[in-house]
Amino acid sequence: MFTEASEEGLTTIANTMTDCIINGNMSSIALEYQGYIDEGYTKDEATAKCAENFGKQVLLDAAGGAVSGGVLGGTVSGISYAKGKINTNIDMKKRTLTLICFWNKQKTVVTKKLRILLSRLRRR
């Protein structure tokens, strides 16, 4: 969950930096800044608004990554847990059947030996 959150947040930061390097004054954050200036904000106010919006975007992306990581991670963990339970139950059933079969064979052998012994005792 934390990994996905940090990945998404850092990706947003890296993408914004790349956009600024490649597009310069035409980058999305530069255009946003210019838009605030055109609306009458001071340079400090425009910078603060851009920083606030950028911070919110990073946090939203990180939160989205955390949620998706939590949901997917929880789902995968749940499926793995269920598979483990199912496999354990199947193994236990197989072992039980093996023991029952073994016991039935032994019971049959013992029964035959007892019959033989009883018939010998009767003959005496």
Protein backbone atom coordinates (compact mmCIF):
# COMPACT_ATOMS: atom_id res chain seq x y z
CA MET A 1 0.00 0.00 0.00
CA PHE A 2 2.75 2.47 0.98
CA THR A 3 4.81 1.39 -2.00
CA GLU A 4 2.01 2.14 -4.44
CA ALA A 5 1.30 5.49 -2.76
CA SER A 6 4.92 6.60 -2.93
CA GLU A 7 5.24 5.39 -6.52
CA GLU A 8 2.21 7.36 -7.64
CA GLY A 9 3.25 10.51 -5.76
CA LEU A 10 6.81 10.37 -7.07
CA THR A 11 5.57 9.68 -10.59
CA THR A 12 3.45 12.84 -10.47
CA ILE A 13 6.47 14.86 -9.29
CA ALA A 14 8.73 13.34 -11.96
CA ASN A 15 6.14 13.91 -14.70
CA THR A 16 5.72 17.55 -13.70
CA MET A 17 9.48 18.09 -13.65
CA THR A 18 9.82 16.44 -17.05
CA ASP A 19 6.97 18.57 -18.41
CA CYS A 20 8.72 21.74 -17.14
CA ILE A 21 12.09 20.71 -18.59
CA ILE A 22 10.72 19.74 -21.99
CA ASN A 23 7.95 22.30 -22.46
CA GLY A 24 9.31 25.21 -20.42
CA ASN A 25 6.81 28.11 -20.50
CA MET A 26 4.25 25.84 -22.16
CA SER A 27 4.28 23.24 -19.36
CA SER A 28 1.01 22.70 -17.54
CA ILE A 29 2.23 24.27 -14.30
CA ALA A 30 3.64 27.31 -16.16
CA LEU A 31 0.33 27.75 -17.99
CA GLU A 32 -1.55 27.44 -14.70
CA TYR A 33 0.75 30.08 -13.15
CA GLN A 34 0.21 32.40 -16.09
CA GLY A 35 -3.54 31.86 -15.82
CA TYR A 36 -3.48 33.04 -12.20
CA ILE A 37 -1.40 36.09 -13.19
CA ASP A 38 -3.91 36.87 -15.96
CA GLU A 39 -6.75 36.63 -13.41
CA GLY A 40 -5.08 39.31 -11.31
CA TYR A 41 -3.21 37.30 -8.71
CA THR A 42 0.19 38.59 -7.60
CA LYS A 43 3.28 36.53 -8.39
CA ASP A 44 3.41 35.29 -4.79
CA GLU A 45 -0.29 34.42 -4.79
CA ALA A 46 -0.01 32.65 -8.16
CA THR A 47 3.03 30.71 -6.92
CA ALA A 48 1.19 29.76 -3.73
CA LYS A 49 -1.90 28.62 -5.69
CA CYS A 50 0.23 26.56 -8.07
CA ALA A 51 2.12 24.99 -5.16
CA GLU A 52 -1.14 24.24 -3.35
CA ASN A 53 -2.71 22.64 -6.44
CA PHE A 54 0.45 20.69 -7.18
CA GLY A 55 0.62 19.44 -3.58
CA LYS A 56 -3.03 18.40 -3.72
CA GLN A 57 -2.44 16.55 -7.00
CA VAL A 58 0.54 14.67 -5.56
CA LEU A 59 -1.50 13.73 -2.46
CA LEU A 60 -4.49 12.65 -4.55
CA ASP A 61 -2.32 10.50 -6.78
CA ALA A 62 -0.59 9.00 -3.74
CA ALA A 63 -3.96 8.31 -2.10
CA GLY A 64 -5.20 6.67 -5.29
CA GLY A 65 -2.10 4.50 -5.38
CA ALA A 66 -2.57 3.57 -1.73
CA VAL A 67 -6.21 2.64 -2.27
CA SER A 68 -5.50 0.59 -5.37
CA GLY A 69 -2.54 -1.05 -3.65
CA GLY A 70 -4.66 -1.82 -0.61
CA VAL A 71 -7.53 -3.19 -2.65
CA LEU A 72 -5.36 -5.24 -4.99
CA GLY A 73 -3.00 -6.31 -2.23
CA GLY A 74 -5.92 -7.30 -0.02
CA THR A 75 -7.58 -9.17 -2.84
CA VAL A 76 -4.41 -11.06 -3.73
CA SER A 77 -3.78 -11.86 -0.07
CA GLY A 78 -7.35 -13.05 0.33
CA ILE A 79 -7.15 -15.26 -2.74
CA SER A 80 -3.82 -16.70 -1.61
CA TYR A 81 -5.24 -17.34 1.85
CA ALA A 82 -8.31 -19.03 0.39
CA LYS A 83 -6.18 -21.16 -1.93
CA GLY A 84 -4.05 -22.21 1.01
CA LYS A 85 -7.16 -23.15 3.01
CA ILE A 86 -8.63 -25.08 0.10
CA ASN A 87 -5.38 -26.93 -0.55
CA THR A 88 -5.02 -27.71 3.15
CA ASN A 89 -8.56 -29.06 3.28
CA ILE A 90 -7.97 -31.18 0.17
CA ASP A 91 -4.74 -32.56 1.65
CA MET A 92 -6.48 -33.35 4.92
CA LYS A 93 -9.29 -35.15 3.09
CA LYS A 94 -6.79 -37.16 1.04
CA ARG A 95 -4.89 -38.14 4.19
CA THR A 96 -8.10 -39.09 5.93
CA LEU A 97 -9.17 -41.24 2.99
CA THR A 98 -5.74 -42.85 2.89
CA LEU A 99 -5.96 -43.66 6.59
CA ILE A 100 -9.48 -45.04 6.19
CA CYS A 101 -8.38 -47.23 3.28
CA PHE A 102 -5.35 -48.39 5.25
CA TRP A 103 -7.51 -49.10 8.29
CA ASN A 104 -10.03 -51.04 6.20
CA LYS A 105 -7.25 -53.15 4.71
CA GLN A 106 -5.76 -53.80 8.12
CA LYS A 107 -9.19 -54.59 9.53
CA THR A 108 -9.74 -57.07 6.72
CA VAL A 109 -6.36 -58.70 7.35
CA VAL A 110 -7.00 -58.87 11.10
CA THR A 111 -10.47 -60.26 10.56
CA LYS A 112 -9.11 -62.99 8.28
CA LYS A 113 -6.42 -63.90 10.82
CA LEU A 114 -8.99 -64.02 13.61
CA ARG A 115 -11.21 -66.30 11.53
CA ILE A 116 -8.28 -68.58 10.84
CA LEU A 117 -7.39 -68.66 14.53
CA LEU A 118 -10.99 -69.32 15.53
CA SER A 119 -11.36 -72.11 13.01
CA ARG A 120 -8.13 -73.71 14.30
CA LEU A 121 -9.35 -73.40 17.86
CA ARG A 122 -12.67 -75.02 16.92
CA ARG A 123 -10.90 -77.93 15.29
CA ARG A 124 -9.07 -78.77 18.49
